PDB file of N, CA and C in Angstrom:
ATOM      1  N   MET A   1      21.283  35.382  18.684  1.00  0.00           N
ATOM      2  CA  MET A   1      22.404  35.446  17.794  1.00  0.00           C
ATOM      3  C   MET A   1      22.819  34.049  17.299  1.00  0.00           C
ATOM      4  N   ASP A   2      22.487  33.022  18.073  1.00  0.00           N
ATOM      5  CA  ASP A   2      22.838  31.669  17.685  1.00  0.00           C
ATOM      6  C   ASP A   2      22.142  31.223  16.416  1.00  0.00           C
ATOM      7  N   TYR A   3      20.954  31.749  16.170  1.00  0.00           N
ATOM      8  CA  TYR A   3      20.178  31.324  15.018  1.00  0.00           C
ATOM      9  C   TYR A   3      20.335  32.238  13.809  1.00  0.00           C
ATOM     10  N   LEU A   4      21.239  33.193  13.854  1.00  0.00           N
ATOM     11  CA  LEU A   4      21.442  34.131  12.751  1.00  0.00           C
ATOM     12  C   LEU A   4      21.880  33.400  11.484  1.00  0.00           C
ATOM     13  N   GLY A   5      22.809  32.492  11.610  1.00  0.00           N
ATOM     14  CA  GLY A   5      23.291  31.744  10.418  1.00  0.00           C
ATOM     15  C   GLY A   5      22.178  30.907   9.818  1.00  0.00           C
ATOM     16  N   PHE A   6      21.351  30.294  10.688  1.00  0.00           N
ATOM     17  CA  PHE A   6      20.233  29.484  10.193  1.00  0.00           C
ATOM     18  C   PHE A   6      19.209  30.334   9.472  1.00  0.00           C
ATOM     19  N   LEU A   7      18.926  31.509  10.016  1.00  0.00           N
ATOM     20  CA  LEU A   7      17.961  32.419   9.348  1.00  0.00           C
ATOM     21  C   LEU A   7      18.485  32.906   8.015  1.00  0.00           C
ATOM     22  N   ILE A   8      19.769  33.227   7.930  1.00  0.00           N
ATOM     23  CA  ILE A   8      20.358  33.675   6.687  1.00  0.00           C
ATOM     24  C   ILE A   8      20.280  32.550   5.669  1.00  0.00           C
ATOM     25  N   LEU A   9      20.603  31.318   6.067  1.00  0.00           N
ATOM     26  CA  LEU A   9      20.514  30.168   5.161  1.00  0.00           C
ATOM     27  C   LEU A   9      19.069  29.949   4.691  1.00  0.00           C
ATOM     28  N   ALA A  10      18.101  30.097   5.616  1.00  0.00           N
ATOM     29  CA  ALA A  10      16.699  29.913   5.236  1.00  0.00           C
ATOM     30  C   ALA A  10      16.273  30.951   4.206  1.00  0.00           C
ATOM     31  N   PHE A  11      16.669  32.212   4.414  1.00  0.00           N
ATOM     32  CA  PHE A  11      16.315  33.260   3.445  1.00  0.00           C
ATOM     33  C   PHE A  11      17.009  33.084   2.116  1.00  0.00           C
ATOM     34  N   VAL A  12      18.258  32.620   2.126  1.00  0.00           N
ATOM     35  CA  VAL A  12      18.954  32.363   0.863  1.00  0.00           C
ATOM     36  C   VAL A  12      18.248  31.223   0.122  1.00  0.00           C
ATOM     37  N   MET A  13      17.887  30.157   0.820  1.00  0.00           N
ATOM     38  CA  MET A  13      17.204  29.042   0.172  1.00  0.00           C
ATOM     39  C   MET A  13      15.842  29.457  -0.371  1.00  0.00           C
ATOM     40  N   LEU A  14      15.106  30.237   0.377  1.00  0.00           N
ATOM     41  CA  LEU A  14      13.820  30.740  -0.079  1.00  0.00           C
ATOM     42  C   LEU A  14      13.985  31.640  -1.316  1.00  0.00           C
ATOM     43  N   GLY A  15      15.007  32.498  -1.285  1.00  0.00           N
ATOM     44  CA  GLY A  15      15.271  33.368  -2.438  1.00  0.00           C
ATOM     45  C   GLY A  15      15.630  32.556  -3.685  1.00  0.00           C
ATOM     46  N   ILE A  16      16.457  31.542  -3.528  1.00  0.00           N
ATOM     47  CA  ILE A  16      16.846  30.727  -4.692  1.00  0.00           C
ATOM     48  C   ILE A  16      15.637  29.983  -5.213  1.00  0.00           C
ATOM     49  N   ALA A  17      14.791  29.453  -4.339  1.00  0.00           N
ATOM     50  CA  ALA A  17      13.585  28.729  -4.769  1.00  0.00           C
ATOM     51  C   ALA A  17      12.644  29.676  -5.532  1.00  0.00           C
ATOM     52  N   LEU A  18      12.418  30.858  -4.993  1.00  0.00           N
ATOM     53  CA  LEU A  18      11.551  31.802  -5.700  1.00  0.00           C
ATOM     54  C   LEU A  18      12.143  32.261  -7.020  1.00  0.00           C
ATOM     55  N   LEU A  19      13.462  32.441  -7.059  1.00  0.00           N
ATOM     56  CA  LEU A  19      14.149  32.798  -8.311  1.00  0.00           C
ATOM     57  C   LEU A  19      13.981  31.707  -9.360  1.00  0.00           C
ATOM     58  N   MET A  20      14.109  30.439  -8.979  1.00  0.00           N
ATOM     59  CA  MET A  20      13.962  29.322  -9.933  1.00  0.00           C
ATOM     60  C   MET A  20      12.535  29.247 -10.439  1.00  0.00           C
ATOM     61  N   VAL A  21      11.545  29.435  -9.573  1.00  0.00           N
ATOM     62  CA  VAL A  21      10.152  29.404  -9.999  1.00  0.00           C
ATOM     63  C   VAL A  21       9.868  30.536 -10.965  1.00  0.00           C
ATOM     64  N   PHE A  22      10.382  31.726 -10.662  1.00  0.00           N
ATOM     65  CA  PHE A  22      10.191  32.865 -11.538  1.00  0.00           C
ATOM     66  C   PHE A  22      10.871  32.650 -12.892  1.00  0.00           C
ATOM     67  N   LEU A  23      12.101  32.145 -12.878  1.00  0.00           N
ATOM     68  CA  LEU A  23      12.797  31.880 -14.156  1.00  0.00           C
ATOM     69  C   LEU A  23      12.084  30.811 -14.983  1.00  0.00           C
ATOM     70  N   ASN A  24      11.551  29.821 -14.325  1.00  0.00           N
ATOM     71  CA  ASN A  24      10.781  28.807 -15.047  1.00  0.00           C
ATOM     72  C   ASN A  24       9.541  29.407 -15.689  1.00  0.00           C
ATOM     73  N   TYR A  25       8.855  30.258 -14.965  1.00  0.00           N
ATOM     74  CA  TYR A  25       7.674  30.924 -15.490  1.00  0.00           C
ATOM     75  C   TYR A  25       8.059  31.844 -16.654  1.00  0.00           C
ATOM     76  N   LEU A  26       9.171  32.521 -16.508  1.00  0.00           N
ATOM     77  CA  LEU A  26       9.603  33.488 -17.526  1.00  0.00           C
ATOM     78  C   LEU A  26      10.150  32.825 -18.786  1.00  0.00           C
ATOM     79  N   LEU A  27      11.022  31.826 -18.605  1.00  0.00           N
ATOM     80  CA  LEU A  27      11.728  31.219 -19.720  1.00  0.00           C
ATOM     81  C   LEU A  27      11.151  29.883 -20.192  1.00  0.00           C
ATOM     82  N   GLY A  28      10.247  29.301 -19.446  1.00  0.00           N
ATOM     83  CA  GLY A  28       9.715  27.955 -19.752  1.00  0.00           C
ATOM     84  C   GLY A  28       8.829  27.988 -20.982  1.00  0.00           C
ATOM     85  N   PRO A  29       8.655  26.810 -21.626  1.00  0.00           N
ATOM     86  CA  PRO A  29       7.782  26.775 -22.817  1.00  0.00           C
ATOM     87  C   PRO A  29       6.326  26.938 -22.421  1.00  0.00           C
ATOM     88  N   LYS A  30       5.627  27.601 -23.315  1.00  0.00           N
ATOM     89  CA  LYS A  30       4.203  27.866 -23.080  1.00  0.00           C
ATOM     90  C   LYS A  30       3.437  27.328 -24.248  1.00  0.00           C
ATOM     91  N   ALA A  31       3.144  26.057 -24.214  1.00  0.00           N
ATOM     92  CA  ALA A  31       2.407  25.391 -25.288  1.00  0.00           C
ATOM     93  C   ALA A  31       1.177  24.704 -24.692  1.00  0.00           C
ATOM     94  N   PRO A  32       0.088  25.408 -24.494  1.00  0.00           N
ATOM     95  CA  PRO A  32      -1.107  24.777 -23.880  1.00  0.00           C
ATOM     96  C   PRO A  32      -1.714  23.749 -24.837  1.00  0.00           C
ATOM     97  N   SER A  33      -2.163  22.672 -24.264  1.00  0.00           N
ATOM     98  CA  SER A  33      -2.868  21.665 -25.068  1.00  0.00           C
ATOM     99  C   SER A  33      -3.850  20.945 -24.178  1.00  0.00           C
ATOM    100  N   ALA A  34      -4.750  20.179 -24.817  1.00  0.00           N
ATOM    101  CA  ALA A  34      -5.756  19.457 -24.039  1.00  0.00           C
ATOM    102  C   ALA A  34      -5.132  18.327 -23.219  1.00  0.00           C
ATOM    103  N   LEU A  35      -4.068  17.703 -23.737  1.00  0.00           N
ATOM    104  CA  LEU A  35      -3.443  16.620 -23.013  1.00  0.00           C
ATOM    105  C   LEU A  35      -2.561  17.074 -21.858  1.00  0.00           C
ATOM    106  N   LYS A  36      -2.208  18.352 -21.865  1.00  0.00           N
ATOM    107  CA  LYS A  36      -1.348  18.867 -20.791  1.00  0.00           C
ATOM    108  C   LYS A  36      -2.060  18.874 -19.446  1.00  0.00           C
ATOM    109  N   ASP A  37      -3.380  19.142 -19.485  1.00  0.00           N
ATOM    110  CA  ASP A  37      -4.161  19.162 -18.248  1.00  0.00           C
ATOM    111  C   ASP A  37      -4.856  17.849 -17.983  1.00  0.00           C
ATOM    112  N   TYR A  38      -4.574  16.817 -18.736  1.00  0.00           N
ATOM    113  CA  TYR A  38      -5.224  15.529 -18.595  1.00  0.00           C
ATOM    114  C   TYR A  38      -4.704  14.804 -17.349  1.00  0.00           C
ATOM    115  N   PRO A  39      -5.586  14.274 -16.488  1.00  0.00           N
ATOM    116  CA  PRO A  39      -5.111  13.557 -15.300  1.00  0.00           C
ATOM    117  C   PRO A  39      -4.346  12.298 -15.697  1.00  0.00           C
ATOM    118  N   TYR A  40      -3.224  12.083 -15.036  1.00  0.00           N
ATOM    119  CA  TYR A  40      -2.371  10.941 -15.330  1.00  0.00           C
ATOM    120  C   TYR A  40      -1.699  10.539 -14.037  1.00  0.00           C
ATOM    121  N   GLU A  41      -1.896   9.278 -13.675  1.00  0.00           N
ATOM    122  CA  GLU A  41      -1.329   8.831 -12.378  1.00  0.00           C
ATOM    123  C   GLU A  41      -0.865   7.387 -12.501  1.00  0.00           C
ATOM    124  N   CYS A  42       0.225   7.106 -11.856  1.00  0.00           N
ATOM    125  CA  CYS A  42       0.769   5.747 -11.754  1.00  0.00           C
ATOM    126  C   CYS A  42       1.101   5.142 -13.096  1.00  0.00           C
ATOM    127  N   GLY A  43       1.373   5.919 -14.093  1.00  0.00           N
ATOM    128  CA  GLY A  43       1.778   5.378 -15.371  1.00  0.00           C
ATOM    129  C   GLY A  43       0.640   4.887 -16.223  1.00  0.00           C
ATOM    130  N   VAL A  44      -0.596   5.019 -15.771  1.00  0.00           N
ATOM    131  CA  VAL A  44      -1.760   4.558 -16.525  1.00  0.00           C
ATOM    132  C   VAL A  44      -2.679   5.731 -16.785  1.00  0.00           C
ATOM    133  N   PRO A  45      -2.991   6.034 -18.039  1.00  0.00           N
ATOM    134  CA  PRO A  45      -3.888   7.132 -18.338  1.00  0.00           C
ATOM    135  C   PRO A  45      -5.283   6.872 -17.767  1.00  0.00           C
ATOM    136  N   LEU A  46      -5.983   7.923 -17.401  1.00  0.00           N
ATOM    137  CA  LEU A  46      -7.351   7.842 -16.906  1.00  0.00           C
ATOM    138  C   LEU A  46      -8.303   7.741 -18.100  1.00  0.00           C
ATOM    139  N   TYR A  47      -9.030   6.669 -18.188  1.00  0.00           N
ATOM    140  CA  TYR A  47      -9.915   6.467 -19.324  1.00  0.00           C
ATOM    141  C   TYR A  47     -11.293   7.018 -19.096  1.00  0.00           C
ATOM    142  N   ASP A  48     -11.762   6.972 -17.873  1.00  0.00           N
ATOM    143  CA  ASP A  48     -13.099   7.445 -17.557  1.00  0.00           C
ATOM    144  C   ASP A  48     -12.955   8.585 -16.541  1.00  0.00           C
ATOM    145  N   LYS A  49     -13.560   9.708 -16.834  1.00  0.00           N
ATOM    146  CA  LYS A  49     -13.377  10.887 -15.975  1.00  0.00           C
ATOM    147  C   LYS A  49     -14.373  10.956 -14.822  1.00  0.00           C
ATOM    148  N   SER A  50     -15.248   9.966 -14.687  1.00  0.00           N
ATOM    149  CA  SER A  50     -16.218  10.014 -13.577  1.00  0.00           C
ATOM    150  C   SER A  50     -15.571   9.499 -12.303  1.00  0.00           C
ATOM    151  N   ALA A  51     -16.123   9.929 -11.177  1.00  0.00           N
ATOM    152  CA  ALA A  51     -15.606   9.504  -9.881  1.00  0.00           C
ATOM    153  C   ALA A  51     -16.109   8.099  -9.519  1.00  0.00           C
ATOM    154  N   GLN A  52     -17.078   7.572 -10.279  1.00  0.00           N
ATOM    155  CA  GLN A  52     -17.649   6.285 -10.006  1.00  0.00           C
ATOM    156  C   GLN A  52     -16.915   5.149 -10.678  1.00  0.00           C
ATOM    157  N   ALA A  53     -15.837   5.425 -11.358  1.00  0.00           N
ATOM    158  CA  ALA A  53     -15.122   4.408 -12.138  1.00  0.00           C
ATOM    159  C   ALA A  53     -14.464   3.410 -11.201  1.00  0.00           C
ATOM    160  N   THR A  54     -14.338   2.194 -11.690  1.00  0.00           N
ATOM    161  CA  THR A  54     -13.667   1.157 -10.920  1.00  0.00           C
ATOM    162  C   THR A  54     -12.195   1.145 -11.279  1.00  0.00           C
ATOM    163  N   PHE A  55     -11.382   0.699 -10.359  1.00  0.00           N
ATOM    164  CA  PHE A  55      -9.944   0.624 -10.560  1.00  0.00           C
ATOM    165  C   PHE A  55      -9.539  -0.825 -10.792  1.00  0.00           C
ATOM    166  N   HIS A  56      -8.453  -0.984 -11.473  1.00  0.00           N
ATOM    167  CA  HIS A  56      -7.913  -2.316 -11.689  1.00  0.00           C
ATOM    168  C   HIS A  56      -7.495  -2.894 -10.334  1.00  0.00           C
ATOM    169  N   GLN A  57      -7.734  -4.179 -10.126  1.00  0.00           N
ATOM    170  CA  GLN A  57      -7.461  -4.767  -8.825  1.00  0.00           C
ATOM    171  C   GLN A  57      -5.948  -4.766  -8.499  1.00  0.00           C
ATOM    172  N   GLY A  58      -5.130  -4.570  -9.492  1.00  0.00           N
ATOM    173  CA  GLY A  58      -3.679  -4.500  -9.264  1.00  0.00           C
ATOM    174  C   GLY A  58      -3.308  -3.328  -8.340  1.00  0.00           C
ATOM    175  N   TYR A  59      -4.065  -2.241  -8.424  1.00  0.00           N
ATOM    176  CA  TYR A  59      -3.813  -1.107  -7.547  1.00  0.00           C
ATOM    177  C   TYR A  59      -3.986  -1.475  -6.075  1.00  0.00           C
ATOM    178  N   TYR A  60      -5.071  -2.184  -5.782  1.00  0.00           N
ATOM    179  CA  TYR A  60      -5.364  -2.566  -4.399  1.00  0.00           C
ATOM    180  C   TYR A  60      -4.334  -3.583  -3.917  1.00  0.00           C
ATOM    181  N   LEU A  61      -4.027  -4.547  -4.736  1.00  0.00           N
ATOM    182  CA  LEU A  61      -3.090  -5.591  -4.345  1.00  0.00           C
ATOM    183  C   LEU A  61      -1.677  -4.993  -4.155  1.00  0.00           C
ATOM    184  N   LEU A  62      -1.289  -4.108  -5.042  1.00  0.00           N
ATOM    185  CA  LEU A  62       0.028  -3.496  -4.896  1.00  0.00           C
ATOM    186  C   LEU A  62       0.052  -2.597  -3.634  1.00  0.00           C
ATOM    187  N   GLY A  63      -1.050  -1.927  -3.389  1.00  0.00           N
ATOM    188  CA  GLY A  63      -1.099  -1.081  -2.168  1.00  0.00           C
ATOM    189  C   GLY A  63      -0.977  -1.914  -0.905  1.00  0.00           C
ATOM    190  N   LEU A  64      -1.674  -3.054  -0.854  1.00  0.00           N
ATOM    191  CA  LEU A  64      -1.580  -3.927   0.278  1.00  0.00           C
ATOM    192  C   LEU A  64      -0.161  -4.484   0.435  1.00  0.00           C
ATOM    193  N   LEU A  65       0.436  -4.907  -0.663  1.00  0.00           N
ATOM    194  CA  LEU A  65       1.794  -5.423  -0.588  1.00  0.00           C
ATOM    195  C   LEU A  65       2.781  -4.336  -0.149  1.00  0.00           C
ATOM    196  N   LEU A  66       2.593  -3.134  -0.628  1.00  0.00           N
ATOM    197  CA  LEU A  66       3.455  -2.028  -0.255  1.00  0.00           C
ATOM    198  C   LEU A  66       3.342  -1.747   1.241  1.00  0.00           C
ATOM    199  N   LEU A  67       2.124  -1.716   1.711  1.00  0.00           N
ATOM    200  CA  LEU A  67       1.876  -1.487   3.147  1.00  0.00           C
ATOM    201  C   LEU A  67       2.488  -2.592   3.998  1.00  0.00           C
ATOM    202  N   LEU A  68       2.285  -3.815   3.562  1.00  0.00           N
ATOM    203  CA  LEU A  68       2.804  -4.964   4.289  1.00  0.00           C
ATOM    204  C   LEU A  68       4.343  -4.918   4.368  1.00  0.00           C
ATOM    205  N   PHE A  69       4.995  -4.718   3.245  1.00  0.00           N
ATOM    206  CA  PHE A  69       6.474  -4.741   3.265  1.00  0.00           C
ATOM    207  C   PHE A  69       7.063  -3.498   3.893  1.00  0.00           C
ATOM    208  N   ASP A  70       6.365  -2.358   3.815  1.00  0.00           N
ATOM    209  CA  ASP A  70       6.881  -1.171   4.492  1.00  0.00           C
ATOM    210  C   ASP A  70       6.828  -1.322   6.006  1.00  0.00           C
ATOM    211  N   ILE A  71       5.726  -1.849   6.505  1.00  0.00           N
ATOM    212  CA  ILE A  71       5.630  -2.042   7.932  1.00  0.00           C
ATOM    213  C   ILE A  71       6.646  -3.058   8.430  1.00  0.00           C
ATOM    214  N   GLU A  72       6.818  -4.125   7.655  1.00  0.00           N
ATOM    215  CA  GLU A  72       7.774  -5.140   8.068  1.00  0.00           C
ATOM    216  C   GLU A  72       9.210  -4.634   7.959  1.00  0.00           C
ATOM    217  N   ALA A  73       9.478  -3.798   6.962  1.00  0.00           N
ATOM    218  CA  ALA A  73      10.845  -3.232   6.841  1.00  0.00           C
ATOM    219  C   ALA A  73      11.084  -2.242   7.977  1.00  0.00           C
ATOM    220  N   ALA A  74      10.043  -1.524   8.391  1.00  0.00           N
ATOM    221  CA  ALA A  74      10.201  -0.603   9.530  1.00  0.00           C
ATOM    222  C   ALA A  74      10.459  -1.365  10.821  1.00  0.00           C
ATOM    223  N   PHE A  75      10.040  -2.615  10.903  1.00  0.00           N
ATOM    224  CA  PHE A  75      10.289  -3.433  12.071  1.00  0.00           C
ATOM    225  C   PHE A  75      11.773  -3.768  12.222  1.00  0.00           C
ATOM    226  N   LEU A  76      12.527  -3.701  11.123  1.00  0.00           N
ATOM    227  CA  LEU A  76      13.956  -4.011  11.171  1.00  0.00           C
ATOM    228  C   LEU A  76      14.773  -2.964  11.897  1.00  0.00           C
ATOM    229  N   PHE A  77      14.319  -1.720  11.881  1.00  0.00           N
ATOM    230  CA  PHE A  77      15.126  -0.642  12.497  1.00  0.00           C
ATOM    231  C   PHE A  77      15.260  -0.793  14.019  1.00  0.00           C
ATOM    232  N   PRO A  78      14.196  -1.053  14.754  1.00  0.00           N
ATOM    233  CA  PRO A  78      14.389  -1.237  16.205  1.00  0.00           C
ATOM    234  C   PRO A  78      15.256  -2.475  16.499  1.00  0.00           C
ATOM    235  N   TRP A  79      15.126  -3.498  15.663  1.00  0.00           N
ATOM    236  CA  TRP A  79      15.926  -4.691  15.861  1.00  0.00           C
ATOM    237  C   TRP A  79      17.424  -4.389  15.726  1.00  0.00           C
ATOM    238  N   THR A  80      17.777  -3.543  14.766  1.00  0.00           N
ATOM    239  CA  THR A  80      19.210  -3.204  14.607  1.00  0.00           C
ATOM    240  C   THR A  80      19.734  -2.459  15.814  1.00  0.00           C
ATOM    241  N   VAL A  81      18.876  -1.699  16.503  1.00  0.00           N
ATOM    242  CA  VAL A  81      19.347  -0.952  17.669  1.00  0.00           C
ATOM    243  C   VAL A  81      19.666  -1.868  18.848  1.00  0.00           C
ATOM    244  N   VAL A  82      18.841  -2.908  19.027  1.00  0.00           N
ATOM    245  CA  VAL A  82      19.051  -3.792  20.181  1.00  0.00           C
ATOM    246  C   VAL A  82      19.660  -5.119  19.786  1.00  0.00           C
ATOM    247  N   TYR A  83      20.222  -5.225  18.596  1.00  0.00           N
ATOM    248  CA  TYR A  83      20.791  -6.481  18.101  1.00  0.00           C
ATOM    249  C   TYR A  83      21.889  -7.004  19.012  1.00  0.00           C
ATOM    250  N   ARG A  84      22.706  -6.131  19.521  1.00  0.00           N
ATOM    251  CA  ARG A  84      23.845  -6.537  20.354  1.00  0.00           C
ATOM    252  C   ARG A  84      23.359  -7.220  21.639  1.00  0.00           C
ATOM    253  N   TYR A  85      22.201  -6.838  22.147  1.00  0.00           N
ATOM    254  CA  TYR A  85      21.726  -7.374  23.416  1.00  0.00           C
ATOM    255  C   TYR A  85      20.894  -8.652  23.201  1.00  0.00           C
ATOM    256  N   LEU A  86      20.441  -8.930  22.000  1.00  0.00           N
ATOM    257  CA  LEU A  86      19.590 -10.070  21.740  1.00  0.00           C
ATOM    258  C   LEU A  86      20.370 -11.357  21.555  1.00  0.00           C
ATOM    259  N   GLY A  87      21.582 -11.247  21.057  1.00  0.00           N
ATOM    260  CA  GLY A  87      22.424 -12.434  20.891  1.00  0.00           C
ATOM    261  C   GLY A  87      21.977 -13.324  19.756  1.00  0.00           C
ATOM    262  N   VAL A  88      22.299 -14.601  19.927  1.00  0.00           N
ATOM    263  CA  VAL A  88      21.985 -15.581  18.868  1.00  0.00           C
ATOM    264  C   VAL A  88      20.477 -15.752  18.695  1.00  0.00           C
ATOM    265  N   PHE A  89      19.722 -15.736  19.789  1.00  0.00           N
ATOM    266  CA  PHE A  89      18.282 -15.879  19.742  1.00  0.00           C
ATOM    267  C   PHE A  89      17.658 -14.796  18.865  1.00  0.00           C
ATOM    268  N   GLY A  90      18.085 -13.541  19.047  1.00  0.00           N
ATOM    269  CA  GLY A  90      17.579 -12.441  18.263  1.00  0.00           C
ATOM    270  C   GLY A  90      17.958 -12.557  16.788  1.00  0.00           C
ATOM    271  N   PHE A  91      19.158 -13.055  16.520  1.00  0.00           N
ATOM    272  CA  PHE A  91      19.588 -13.253  15.144  1.00  0.00           C
ATOM    273  C   PHE A  91      18.729 -14.310  14.461  1.00  0.00           C
ATOM    274  N   VAL A  92      18.516 -15.416  15.146  1.00  0.00           N
ATOM    275  CA  VAL A  92      17.700 -16.510  14.551  1.00  0.00           C
ATOM    276  C   VAL A  92      16.267 -16.043  14.349  1.00  0.00           C
ATOM    277  N   GLU A  93      15.743 -15.324  15.317  1.00  0.00           N
ATOM    278  CA  GLU A  93      14.390 -14.818  15.224  1.00  0.00           C
ATOM    279  C   GLU A  93      14.247 -13.892  14.004  1.00  0.00           C
ATOM    280  N   MET A  94      15.202 -12.985  13.829  1.00  0.00           N
ATOM    281  CA  MET A  94      15.119 -12.083  12.700  1.00  0.00           C
ATOM    282  C   MET A  94      15.364 -12.758  11.373  1.00  0.00           C
ATOM    283  N   PHE A  95      16.208 -13.805  11.391  1.00  0.00           N
ATOM    284  CA  PHE A  95      16.439 -14.583  10.178  1.00  0.00           C
ATOM    285  C   PHE A  95      15.152 -15.256   9.752  1.00  0.00           C
ATOM    286  N   LEU A  96      14.417 -15.832  10.706  1.00  0.00           N
ATOM    287  CA  LEU A  96      13.118 -16.451  10.374  1.00  0.00           C
ATOM    288  C   LEU A  96      12.130 -15.409   9.855  1.00  0.00           C
ATOM    289  N   PHE A  97      12.129 -14.245  10.470  1.00  0.00           N
ATOM    290  CA  PHE A  97      11.248 -13.169  10.050  1.00  0.00           C
ATOM    291  C   PHE A  97      11.529 -12.756   8.599  1.00  0.00           C
ATOM    292  N   ILE A  98      12.808 -12.576   8.284  1.00  0.00           N
ATOM    293  CA  ILE A  98      13.172 -12.166   6.919  1.00  0.00           C
ATOM    294  C   ILE A  98      12.907 -13.315   5.945  1.00  0.00           C
ATOM    295  N   PHE A  99      13.079 -14.565   6.387  1.00  0.00           N
ATOM    296  CA  PHE A  99      12.789 -15.725   5.538  1.00  0.00           C
ATOM    297  C   PHE A  99      11.310 -15.761   5.194  1.00  0.00           C
ATOM    298  N   ILE A 100      10.454 -15.550   6.163  1.00  0.00           N
ATOM    299  CA  ILE A 100       9.004 -15.551   5.907  1.00  0.00           C
ATOM    300  C   ILE A 100       8.611 -14.370   5.015  1.00  0.00           C
ATOM    301  N   LEU A 101       9.224 -13.216   5.235  1.00  0.00           N
ATOM    302  CA  LEU A 101       8.989 -12.059   4.408  1.00  0.00           C
ATOM    303  C   LEU A 101       9.396 -12.333   2.954  1.00  0.00           C
ATOM    304  N   THR A 102      10.554 -12.946   2.759  1.00  0.00           N
ATOM    305  CA  THR A 102      11.049 -13.254   1.417  1.00  0.00           C
ATOM    306  C   THR A 102      10.132 -14.292   0.743  1.00  0.00           C
ATOM    307  N   TYR A 103       9.712 -15.272   1.517  1.00  0.00           N
ATOM    308  CA  TYR A 103       8.798 -16.272   0.979  1.00  0.00           C
ATOM    309  C   TYR A 103       7.505 -15.623   0.527  1.00  0.00           C
ATOM    310  N   GLY A 104       6.963 -14.691   1.270  1.00  0.00           N
ATOM    311  CA  GLY A 104       5.744 -13.984   0.897  1.00  0.00           C
ATOM    312  C   GLY A 104       5.925 -13.203  -0.375  1.00  0.00           C
ATOM    313  N   LEU A 105       7.068 -12.542  -0.507  1.00  0.00           N
ATOM    314  CA  LEU A 105       7.356 -11.791  -1.744  1.00  0.00           C
ATOM    315  C   LEU A 105       7.434 -12.730  -2.935  1.00  0.00           C
ATOM    316  N   LEU A 106       8.169 -13.834  -2.784  1.00  0.00           N
ATOM    317  CA  LEU A 106       8.281 -14.789  -3.872  1.00  0.00           C
ATOM    318  C   LEU A 106       6.925 -15.408  -4.239  1.00  0.00           C
ATOM    319  N   TYR A 107       6.090 -15.668  -3.260  1.00  0.00           N
ATOM    320  CA  TYR A 107       4.766 -16.211  -3.494  1.00  0.00           C
ATOM    321  C   TYR A 107       3.914 -15.217  -4.295  1.00  0.00           C
ATOM    322  N   ALA A 108       3.935 -13.911  -3.884  1.00  0.00           N
ATOM    323  CA  ALA A 108       3.177 -12.915  -4.614  1.00  0.00           C
ATOM    324  C   ALA A 108       3.713 -12.748  -6.003  1.00  0.00           C
ATOM    325  N   TRP A 109       5.014 -12.801  -6.177  1.00  0.00           N
ATOM    326  CA  TRP A 109       5.604 -12.685  -7.491  1.00  0.00           C
ATOM    327  C   TRP A 109       5.228 -13.851  -8.369  1.00  0.00           C
ATOM    328  N   ARG A 110       5.245 -15.079  -7.836  1.00  0.00           N
ATOM    329  CA  ARG A 110       4.910 -16.270  -8.617  1.00  0.00           C
ATOM    330  C   ARG A 110       3.428 -16.260  -8.990  1.00  0.00           C
ATOM    331  N   LYS A 111       2.567 -15.760  -8.133  1.00  0.00           N
ATOM    332  CA  LYS A 111       1.143 -15.711  -8.446  1.00  0.00           C
ATOM    333  C   LYS A 111       0.775 -14.593  -9.424  1.00  0.00           C
ATOM    334  N   GLY A 112       1.768 -13.746  -9.770  1.00  0.00           N
ATOM    335  CA  GLY A 112       1.520 -12.681 -10.744  1.00  0.00           C
ATOM    336  C   GLY A 112       1.017 -11.383 -10.153  1.00  0.00           C
ATOM    337  N   ALA A 113       1.148 -11.230  -8.839  1.00  0.00           N
ATOM    338  CA  ALA A 113       0.658 -10.022  -8.189  1.00  0.00           C
ATOM    339  C   ALA A 113       1.450  -8.780  -8.599  1.00  0.00           C
ATOM    340  N   LEU A 114       2.679  -8.977  -9.084  1.00  0.00           N
ATOM    341  CA  LEU A 114       3.508  -7.832  -9.411  1.00  0.00           C
ATOM    342  C   LEU A 114       3.567  -7.580 -10.915  1.00  0.00           C
ATOM    343  N   ASP A 115       2.790  -8.330 -11.713  1.00  0.00           N
ATOM    344  CA  ASP A 115       2.745  -8.105 -13.172  1.00  0.00           C
ATOM    345  C   ASP A 115       1.706  -7.054 -13.483  1.00  0.00           C
ATOM    346  N   TRP A 116       2.094  -6.109 -14.286  1.00  0.00           N
ATOM    347  CA  TRP A 116       1.183  -5.014 -14.683  1.00  0.00           C
ATOM    348  C   TRP A 116       0.954  -5.104 -16.165  1.00  0.00           C
ATOM    349  N   GLN A 117       0.054  -5.945 -16.596  1.00  0.00           N
ATOM    350  CA  GLN A 117      -0.298  -6.081 -17.997  1.00  0.00           C
ATOM    351  C   GLN A 117      -1.747  -5.677 -18.150  1.00  0.00           C
ATOM    352  N   PHE A 118      -1.984  -4.506 -18.731  1.00  0.00           N
ATOM    353  CA  PHE A 118      -3.317  -4.020 -18.922  1.00  0.00           C
ATOM    354  C   PHE A 118      -3.745  -4.185 -20.352  1.00  0.00           C
ATOM    355  N   GLU A 119      -5.061  -4.232 -20.557  1.00  0.00           N
ATOM    356  CA  GLU A 119      -5.547  -4.248 -21.929  1.00  0.00           C
ATOM    357  C   GLU A 119      -5.323  -2.838 -22.502  1.00  0.00           C
ATOM    358  N   GLU A 120      -4.935  -2.833 -23.753  1.00  0.00           N
ATOM    359  CA  GLU A 120      -4.675  -1.555 -24.398  1.00  0.00           C
ATOM    360  C   GLU A 120      -5.996  -0.839 -24.758  1.00  0.00           C
ATOM    361  N   GLU A 121      -6.255   0.277 -24.149  1.00  0.00           N
ATOM    362  CA  GLU A 121      -7.413   1.086 -24.456  1.00  0.00           C
ATOM    363  C   GLU A 121      -6.897   2.462 -24.882  1.00  0.00           C
ATOM    364  N   TYR A 122      -7.607   3.050 -25.747  1.00  0.00           N
ATOM    365  CA  TYR A 122      -7.218   4.366 -26.228  1.00  0.00           C
ATOM    366  C   TYR A 122      -8.233   5.410 -25.827  1.00  0.00           C
ATOM    367  N   ILE A 123      -7.759   6.573 -25.623  1.00  0.00           N
ATOM    368  CA  ILE A 123      -8.604   7.699 -25.228  1.00  0.00           C
ATOM    369  C   ILE A 123      -9.388   8.201 -26.428  1.00  0.00           C
ATOM    370  N   ASP A 124     -10.692   8.314 -26.269  1.00  0.00           N
ATOM    371  CA  ASP A 124     -11.516   8.812 -27.405  1.00  0.00           C
ATOM    372  C   ASP A 124     -11.423  10.301 -27.531  1.00  0.00           C
TER     373      ASP A 124
END
């Protein structure tokens, strides 16, 4: 009986979701076109449809930077939990960590790693 409210809420949410999908199918625009099914990712149109195509190096660099800063940002959460017990040493240590992290971001920014300027190509 304790879970009755949760089950009712789950069924109501499922019903609303199914109702919205059905209404979208029923009332939504139906204008098929060739560009509607065209693959499009990360704001850059796909120019070559083969799986052997090369990617711009900006994708790899941005992926590495994202991974680096996400992992380092996730390191801040445990520090906030034990901050009270670390004292001044923990504060200075985290200040240096954030300083190095900020320096790395500024270095990548200055080197142009965050600029996304592609040559204009058009789809044939």
